[in-house]
Amino acid sequence: MGIHELQYKKLLSELKFKNEELEIMDESMYDIHVEFELYYNEFLEENNLTKEELEKSKTKQFEKFKDEQASALMQETDETGLVALEEVSDEDKEAKKVFAKLYKDIVKKCHPDRLSTDNMDHFNKMNSRFKAATWGYNNAKWSIVIKVAQELGIKPSNYKKMNGHLRREVKAVDEKIRKHKSTFGWMLYEAEEKEEKDTVIKDFIFKLFRRKL
């Protein structure tokens, strides 16, 4: 095994772990936000405050917060159930050239037009793989393309070039994890004692409404 293939396998292992962590966090965030909202309301009641009173300040920070929430609610999914199209950078467009052969080999094996419908279980399985690989290829999620290729027994032709793009994907997943952990909801979730939880809420109120408690 060459050094580039070894690095390739290590990067895939790292991506698998980080994607699993991100998936768990994504699935947990709704419940975490609900818990935050409940504790926030309790805190306000204990301190004789109301949301209306705080929101009257109409700070730039609060307006930005509302816009971010609205944007998150509008996030759509495509027919595969995955989050729909993200903006693809010039680097990702360049990376498509590197992964084009791998993707074409996948298409040859599992494009629905190439499949028999005699065995519908097999047809559906291969069609799902085709959809996942196509979504990954169009959205620069190279680990998804590679996962499908592995399931089909297809090997990459250029480990060295792929590794650079996999490193970028690792950084992108890391950034999403960091963003989750930087939210007040996550900070409240990690806080154990009431004093710690109250500090998170106080910081939240100060950041959004510039009111120190």
C-alpha atoms as a PDB file:
ATOM      1  CA  MET A   1       0.000   0.000   0.000  1.00  0.00           C
ATOM      2  CA  GLY A   2       1.422   3.396  -1.013  1.00  0.00           C
ATOM      3  CA  ILE A   3       1.576   6.468   1.234  1.00  0.00           C
ATOM      4  CA  HIS A   4      -1.222   8.256  -0.658  1.00  0.00           C
ATOM      5  CA  GLU A   5      -3.551   5.281  -0.363  1.00  0.00           C
ATOM      6  CA  LEU A   6      -2.774   5.062   3.363  1.00  0.00           C
ATOM      7  CA  GLN A   7      -3.546   8.785   3.803  1.00  0.00           C
ATOM      8  CA  TYR A   8      -6.722   8.273   1.777  1.00  0.00           C
ATOM      9  CA  LYS A   9      -7.907   5.518   4.124  1.00  0.00           C
ATOM     10  CA  LYS A  10      -7.068   7.580   7.215  1.00  0.00           C
ATOM     11  CA  LEU A  11      -8.976  10.583   5.851  1.00  0.00           C
ATOM     12  CA  LEU A  12     -12.010   8.415   5.076  1.00  0.00           C
ATOM     13  CA  SER A  13     -11.935   6.991   8.592  1.00  0.00           C
ATOM     14  CA  GLU A  14     -11.698  10.506  10.064  1.00  0.00           C
ATOM     15  CA  LEU A  15     -14.540  11.731   7.853  1.00  0.00           C
ATOM     16  CA  LYS A  16     -16.726   8.779   8.819  1.00  0.00           C
ATOM     17  CA  PHE A  17     -16.251   9.542  12.528  1.00  0.00           C
ATOM     18  CA  LYS A  18     -16.838  13.289  12.107  1.00  0.00           C
ATOM     19  CA  ASN A  19     -19.890  12.824   9.872  1.00  0.00           C
ATOM     20  CA  GLU A  20     -21.408  10.460  12.440  1.00  0.00           C
ATOM     21  CA  GLU A  21     -20.760  13.039  15.173  1.00  0.00           C
ATOM     22  CA  LEU A  22     -22.322  15.781  13.051  1.00  0.00           C
ATOM     23  CA  GLU A  23     -25.334  13.610  12.219  1.00  0.00           C
ATOM     24  CA  ILE A  24     -25.988  12.943  15.922  1.00  0.00           C
ATOM     25  CA  MET A  25     -25.642  16.659  16.671  1.00  0.00           C
ATOM     26  CA  ASP A  26     -27.977  17.596  13.804  1.00  0.00           C
ATOM     27  CA  GLU A  27     -30.592  15.154  15.097  1.00  0.00           C
ATOM     28  CA  SER A  28     -30.221  16.469  18.650  1.00  0.00           C
ATOM     29  CA  MET A  29     -30.376  20.197  17.944  1.00  0.00           C
ATOM     30  CA  TYR A  30     -34.173  20.431  17.819  1.00  0.00           C
ATOM     31  CA  ASP A  31     -34.533  18.898  21.298  1.00  0.00           C
ATOM     32  CA  ILE A  32     -31.645  21.026  22.557  1.00  0.00           C
ATOM     33  CA  HIS A  33     -33.335  24.209  21.306  1.00  0.00           C
ATOM     34  CA  VAL A  34     -36.630  23.159  22.910  1.00  0.00           C
ATOM     35  CA  GLU A  35     -34.839  22.596  26.246  1.00  0.00           C
ATOM     36  CA  PHE A  36     -33.158  25.978  25.893  1.00  0.00           C
ATOM     37  CA  GLU A  37     -36.496  27.690  25.263  1.00  0.00           C
ATOM     38  CA  LEU A  38     -38.046  26.052  28.328  1.00  0.00           C
ATOM     39  CA  TYR A  39     -35.162  27.005  30.596  1.00  0.00           C
ATOM     40  CA  TYR A  40     -35.037  30.513  29.131  1.00  0.00           C
ATOM     41  CA  ASN A  41     -38.730  31.029  29.943  1.00  0.00           C
ATOM     42  CA  GLU A  42     -38.199  29.727  33.488  1.00  0.00           C
ATOM     43  CA  PHE A  43     -35.254  32.078  33.962  1.00  0.00           C
ATOM     44  CA  LEU A  44     -37.243  35.081  32.768  1.00  0.00           C
ATOM     45  CA  GLU A  45     -40.102  34.232  35.115  1.00  0.00           C
ATOM     46  CA  GLU A  46     -37.731  33.844  38.073  1.00  0.00           C
ATOM     47  CA  ASN A  47     -36.227  37.259  37.310  1.00  0.00           C
ATOM     48  CA  ASN A  48     -39.506  39.072  36.625  1.00  0.00           C
ATOM     49  CA  LEU A  49     -38.680  39.622  32.966  1.00  0.00           C
ATOM     50  CA  THR A  50     -40.623  39.014  29.762  1.00  0.00           C
ATOM     51  CA  LYS A  51     -39.551  38.382  26.173  1.00  0.00           C
ATOM     52  CA  GLU A  52     -41.610  41.362  25.040  1.00  0.00           C
ATOM     53  CA  GLU A  53     -39.714  43.642  27.388  1.00  0.00           C
ATOM     54  CA  LEU A  54     -36.324  42.422  26.134  1.00  0.00           C
ATOM     55  CA  GLU A  55     -37.266  42.398  22.463  1.00  0.00           C
ATOM     56  CA  LYS A  56     -38.412  46.023  22.584  1.00  0.00           C
ATOM     57  CA  SER A  57     -34.740  47.000  22.495  1.00  0.00           C
ATOM     58  CA  LYS A  58     -34.596  45.883  18.825  1.00  0.00           C
ATOM     59  CA  THR A  59     -30.821  45.558  18.815  1.00  0.00           C
ATOM     60  CA  LYS A  60     -28.938  44.685  15.629  1.00  0.00           C
ATOM     61  CA  GLN A  61     -27.840  41.464  17.320  1.00  0.00           C
ATOM     62  CA  PHE A  62     -31.433  40.380  17.928  1.00  0.00           C
ATOM     63  CA  GLU A  63     -32.502  41.245  14.373  1.00  0.00           C
ATOM     64  CA  LYS A  64     -29.596  39.182  13.032  1.00  0.00           C
ATOM     65  CA  PHE A  65     -30.566  36.314  15.330  1.00  0.00           C
ATOM     66  CA  LYS A  66     -34.150  36.355  13.992  1.00  0.00           C
ATOM     67  CA  ASP A  67     -32.895  36.338  10.385  1.00  0.00           C
ATOM     68  CA  GLU A  68     -30.644  33.348  11.103  1.00  0.00           C
ATOM     69  CA  GLN A  69     -33.540  31.441  12.666  1.00  0.00           C
ATOM     70  CA  ALA A  70     -35.785  32.153   9.674  1.00  0.00           C
ATOM     71  CA  SER A  71     -33.044  30.997   7.305  1.00  0.00           C
ATOM     72  CA  ALA A  72     -32.598  27.737   9.225  1.00  0.00           C
ATOM     73  CA  LEU A  73     -36.330  26.997   9.061  1.00  0.00           C
ATOM     74  CA  MET A  74     -36.334  27.484   5.294  1.00  0.00           C
ATOM     75  CA  GLN A  75     -33.600  24.878   4.734  1.00  0.00           C
ATOM     76  CA  GLU A  76     -34.985  22.252   2.368  1.00  0.00           C
ATOM     77  CA  THR A  77     -34.222  18.616   1.617  1.00  0.00           C
ATOM     78  CA  ASP A  78     -34.121  16.967  -1.779  1.00  0.00           C
ATOM     79  CA  GLU A  79     -35.812  13.715  -2.822  1.00  0.00           C
ATOM     80  CA  THR A  80     -33.065  11.629  -1.187  1.00  0.00           C
ATOM     81  CA  GLY A  81     -33.873  13.163   2.192  1.00  0.00           C
ATOM     82  CA  LEU A  82     -30.514  14.925   2.305  1.00  0.00           C
ATOM     83  CA  VAL A  83     -30.213  18.673   2.801  1.00  0.00           C
ATOM     84  CA  ALA A  84     -30.659  20.197  -0.620  1.00  0.00           C
ATOM     85  CA  LEU A  85     -28.136  21.976  -2.758  1.00  0.00           C
ATOM     86  CA  GLU A  86     -25.476  24.029  -1.049  1.00  0.00           C
ATOM     87  CA  GLU A  87     -23.423  26.619  -2.879  1.00  0.00           C
ATOM     88  CA  VAL A  88     -20.520  24.945  -4.648  1.00  0.00           C
ATOM     89  CA  SER A  89     -17.197  26.826  -4.705  1.00  0.00           C
ATOM     90  CA  ASP A  90     -14.727  27.109  -7.564  1.00  0.00           C
ATOM     91  CA  GLU A  91     -12.485  24.637  -5.719  1.00  0.00           C
ATOM     92  CA  ASP A  92     -15.340  22.153  -5.590  1.00  0.00           C
ATOM     93  CA  LYS A  93     -15.969  22.603  -9.302  1.00  0.00           C
ATOM     94  CA  GLU A  94     -12.305  21.822  -9.887  1.00  0.00           C
ATOM     95  CA  ALA A  95     -12.593  18.790  -7.593  1.00  0.00           C
ATOM     96  CA  LYS A  96     -15.406  17.455  -9.777  1.00  0.00           C
ATOM     97  CA  LYS A  97     -12.834  16.811 -12.473  1.00  0.00           C
ATOM     98  CA  VAL A  98     -10.870  14.643 -10.028  1.00  0.00           C
ATOM     99  CA  PHE A  99     -13.923  12.622  -9.000  1.00  0.00           C
ATOM    100  CA  ALA A 100     -15.515  12.506 -12.479  1.00  0.00           C
ATOM    101  CA  LYS A 101     -14.138   9.074 -13.400  1.00  0.00           C
ATOM    102  CA  LEU A 102     -15.214   7.548 -10.081  1.00  0.00           C
ATOM    103  CA  TYR A 103     -18.700   8.998 -10.506  1.00  0.00           C
ATOM    104  CA  LYS A 104     -18.954   7.804 -14.118  1.00  0.00           C
ATOM    105  CA  ASP A 105     -18.000   4.279 -13.027  1.00  0.00           C
ATOM    106  CA  ILE A 106     -20.797   4.435 -10.429  1.00  0.00           C
ATOM    107  CA  VAL A 107     -23.284   5.607 -13.068  1.00  0.00           C
ATOM    108  CA  LYS A 108     -22.349   2.677 -15.306  1.00  0.00           C
ATOM    109  CA  LYS A 109     -23.240   0.248 -12.524  1.00  0.00           C
ATOM    110  CA  CYS A 110     -26.339   1.751 -10.953  1.00  0.00           C
ATOM    111  CA  HIS A 111     -28.045   4.286 -13.226  1.00  0.00           C
ATOM    112  CA  PRO A 112     -31.752   3.283 -13.309  1.00  0.00           C
ATOM    113  CA  ASP A 113     -31.741   3.219 -17.119  1.00  0.00           C
ATOM    114  CA  ARG A 114     -29.106   0.472 -16.961  1.00  0.00           C
ATOM    115  CA  LEU A 115     -30.945  -1.662 -14.410  1.00  0.00           C
ATOM    116  CA  SER A 116     -33.388  -4.481 -14.908  1.00  0.00           C
ATOM    117  CA  THR A 117     -36.720  -4.251 -13.112  1.00  0.00           C
ATOM    118  CA  ASP A 118     -36.988  -8.033 -12.767  1.00  0.00           C
ATOM    119  CA  ASN A 119     -35.682  -7.752  -9.204  1.00  0.00           C
ATOM    120  CA  MET A 120     -37.201  -4.630  -7.663  1.00  0.00           C
ATOM    121  CA  ASP A 121     -35.296  -4.948  -4.369  1.00  0.00           C
ATOM    122  CA  HIS A 122     -32.017  -4.829  -6.297  1.00  0.00           C
ATOM    123  CA  PHE A 123     -33.315  -2.034  -8.529  1.00  0.00           C
ATOM    124  CA  ASN A 124     -34.330   0.124  -5.557  1.00  0.00           C
ATOM    125  CA  LYS A 125     -31.048  -0.480  -3.734  1.00  0.00           C
ATOM    126  CA  MET A 126     -28.964   0.460  -6.763  1.00  0.00           C
ATOM    127  CA  ASN A 127     -31.186   3.440  -7.571  1.00  0.00           C
ATOM    128  CA  SER A 128     -30.732   4.738  -3.999  1.00  0.00           C
ATOM    129  CA  ARG A 129     -26.977   4.453  -4.440  1.00  0.00           C
ATOM    130  CA  PHE A 130     -27.183   6.348  -7.723  1.00  0.00           C
ATOM    131  CA  LYS A 131     -29.190   9.162  -6.094  1.00  0.00           C
ATOM    132  CA  ALA A 132     -26.785   9.396  -3.135  1.00  0.00           C
ATOM    133  CA  ALA A 133     -23.708   9.447  -5.380  1.00  0.00           C
ATOM    134  CA  THR A 134     -25.270  12.062  -7.664  1.00  0.00           C
ATOM    135  CA  TRP A 135     -26.168  14.274  -4.695  1.00  0.00           C
ATOM    136  CA  GLY A 136     -22.650  13.876  -3.284  1.00  0.00           C
ATOM    137  CA  TYR A 137     -21.047  14.644  -6.639  1.00  0.00           C
ATOM    138  CA  ASN A 138     -23.171  17.754  -7.232  1.00  0.00           C
ATOM    139  CA  ASN A 139     -22.710  19.063  -3.673  1.00  0.00           C
ATOM    140  CA  ALA A 140     -18.989  18.335  -3.255  1.00  0.00           C
ATOM    141  CA  LYS A 141     -19.580  15.670  -0.586  1.00  0.00           C
ATOM    142  CA  TRP A 142     -16.851  13.405  -1.864  1.00  0.00           C
ATOM    143  CA  SER A 143     -17.039  10.972   1.051  1.00  0.00           C
ATOM    144  CA  ILE A 144     -20.563  10.017  -0.095  1.00  0.00           C
ATOM    145  CA  VAL A 145     -19.373   9.372  -3.653  1.00  0.00           C
ATOM    146  CA  ILE A 146     -16.499   7.264  -2.307  1.00  0.00           C
ATOM    147  CA  LYS A 147     -18.804   5.313   0.041  1.00  0.00           C
ATOM    148  CA  VAL A 148     -21.059   4.342  -2.873  1.00  0.00           C
ATOM    149  CA  ALA A 149     -18.007   3.433  -4.969  1.00  0.00           C
ATOM    150  CA  GLN A 150     -16.740   1.179  -2.173  1.00  0.00           C
ATOM    151  CA  GLU A 151     -20.122  -0.557  -1.926  1.00  0.00           C
ATOM    152  CA  LEU A 152     -19.928  -1.242  -5.659  1.00  0.00           C
ATOM    153  CA  GLY A 153     -16.301  -2.442  -5.525  1.00  0.00           C
ATOM    154  CA  ILE A 154     -14.986   0.528  -7.516  1.00  0.00           C
ATOM    155  CA  LYS A 155     -11.454   1.759  -6.660  1.00  0.00           C
ATOM    156  CA  PRO A 156     -10.204   5.352  -7.127  1.00  0.00           C
ATOM    157  CA  SER A 157      -7.581   5.983  -9.786  1.00  0.00           C
ATOM    158  CA  ASN A 158      -5.779   8.939  -8.129  1.00  0.00           C
ATOM    159  CA  TYR A 159      -5.474   8.881  -4.337  1.00  0.00           C
ATOM    160  CA  LYS A 160      -3.120  11.864  -4.147  1.00  0.00           C
ATOM    161  CA  LYS A 161      -5.459  14.346  -5.821  1.00  0.00           C
ATOM    162  CA  MET A 162      -8.497  13.058  -3.935  1.00  0.00           C
ATOM    163  CA  ASN A 163      -6.756  13.446  -0.571  1.00  0.00           C
ATOM    164  CA  GLY A 164      -6.523  17.220  -0.891  1.00  0.00           C
ATOM    165  CA  HIS A 165     -10.254  17.502  -1.446  1.00  0.00           C
ATOM    166  CA  LEU A 166     -11.031  15.064   1.376  1.00  0.00           C
ATOM    167  CA  ARG A 167      -8.978  17.253   3.743  1.00  0.00           C
ATOM    168  CA  ARG A 168     -11.128  20.221   2.738  1.00  0.00           C
ATOM    169  CA  GLU A 169     -14.243  18.174   3.464  1.00  0.00           C
ATOM    170  CA  VAL A 170     -12.882  17.263   6.923  1.00  0.00           C
ATOM    171  CA  LYS A 171     -12.404  20.982   7.636  1.00  0.00           C
ATOM    172  CA  ALA A 172     -15.921  21.772   6.411  1.00  0.00           C
ATOM    173  CA  VAL A 173     -17.468  19.134   8.706  1.00  0.00           C
ATOM    174  CA  ASP A 174     -15.300  20.376  11.591  1.00  0.00           C
ATOM    175  CA  GLU A 175     -16.645  23.893  11.025  1.00  0.00           C
ATOM    176  CA  LYS A 176     -20.269  22.676  11.169  1.00  0.00           C
ATOM    177  CA  ILE A 177     -19.549  20.835  14.428  1.00  0.00           C
ATOM    178  CA  ARG A 178     -17.890  23.952  15.838  1.00  0.00           C
ATOM    179  CA  LYS A 179     -20.932  26.057  14.925  1.00  0.00           C
ATOM    180  CA  HIS A 180     -23.262  23.672  16.734  1.00  0.00           C
ATOM    181  CA  LYS A 181     -21.058  23.751  19.824  1.00  0.00           C
ATOM    182  CA  SER A 182     -20.909  27.550  19.776  1.00  0.00           C
ATOM    183  CA  THR A 183     -24.699  27.911  20.096  1.00  0.00           C
ATOM    184  CA  PHE A 184     -26.228  28.908  23.421  1.00  0.00           C
ATOM    185  CA  GLY A 185     -28.487  25.864  23.198  1.00  0.00           C
ATOM    186  CA  TRP A 186     -25.478  23.542  23.101  1.00  0.00           C
ATOM    187  CA  MET A 187     -23.726  25.450  25.886  1.00  0.00           C
ATOM    188  CA  LEU A 188     -26.835  25.095  28.057  1.00  0.00           C
ATOM    189  CA  TYR A 189     -27.012  21.398  27.192  1.00  0.00           C
ATOM    190  CA  GLU A 190     -23.417  20.917  28.388  1.00  0.00           C
ATOM    191  CA  ALA A 191     -23.922  22.967  31.588  1.00  0.00           C
ATOM    192  CA  GLU A 192     -24.610  20.780  34.637  1.00  0.00           C
ATOM    193  CA  GLU A 193     -25.263  23.060  37.626  1.00  0.00           C
ATOM    194  CA  LYS A 194     -28.004  25.703  37.814  1.00  0.00           C
ATOM    195  CA  GLU A 195     -25.399  28.434  38.238  1.00  0.00           C
ATOM    196  CA  GLU A 196     -23.726  27.376  34.994  1.00  0.00           C
ATOM    197  CA  LYS A 197     -27.070  27.229  33.181  1.00  0.00           C
ATOM    198  CA  ASP A 198     -28.063  30.670  34.462  1.00  0.00           C
ATOM    199  CA  THR A 199     -24.734  32.087  33.283  1.00  0.00           C
ATOM    200  CA  VAL A 200     -25.440  30.788  29.759  1.00  0.00           C
ATOM    201  CA  ILE A 201     -28.857  32.504  29.761  1.00  0.00           C
ATOM    202  CA  LYS A 202     -27.368  35.746  31.095  1.00  0.00           C
ATOM    203  CA  ASP A 203     -24.733  35.688  28.355  1.00  0.00           C
ATOM    204  CA  PHE A 204     -27.466  35.027  25.783  1.00  0.00           C
ATOM    205  CA  ILE A 205     -29.519  38.006  27.008  1.00  0.00           C
ATOM    206  CA  PHE A 206     -26.486  40.277  27.021  1.00  0.00           C
ATOM    207  CA  LYS A 207     -25.401  39.239  23.520  1.00  0.00           C
ATOM    208  CA  LEU A 208     -28.845  39.731  21.981  1.00  0.00           C
ATOM    209  CA  PHE A 209     -30.241  42.600  23.985  1.00  0.00           C
ATOM    210  CA  ARG A 210     -27.160  44.236  25.548  1.00  0.00           C
ATOM    211  CA  ARG A 211     -28.743  43.898  28.973  1.00  0.00           C
ATOM    212  CA  LYS A 212     -26.507  42.810  31.827  1.00  0.00           C
ATOM    213  CA  LEU A 213     -28.132  40.822  34.642  1.00  0.00           C
END
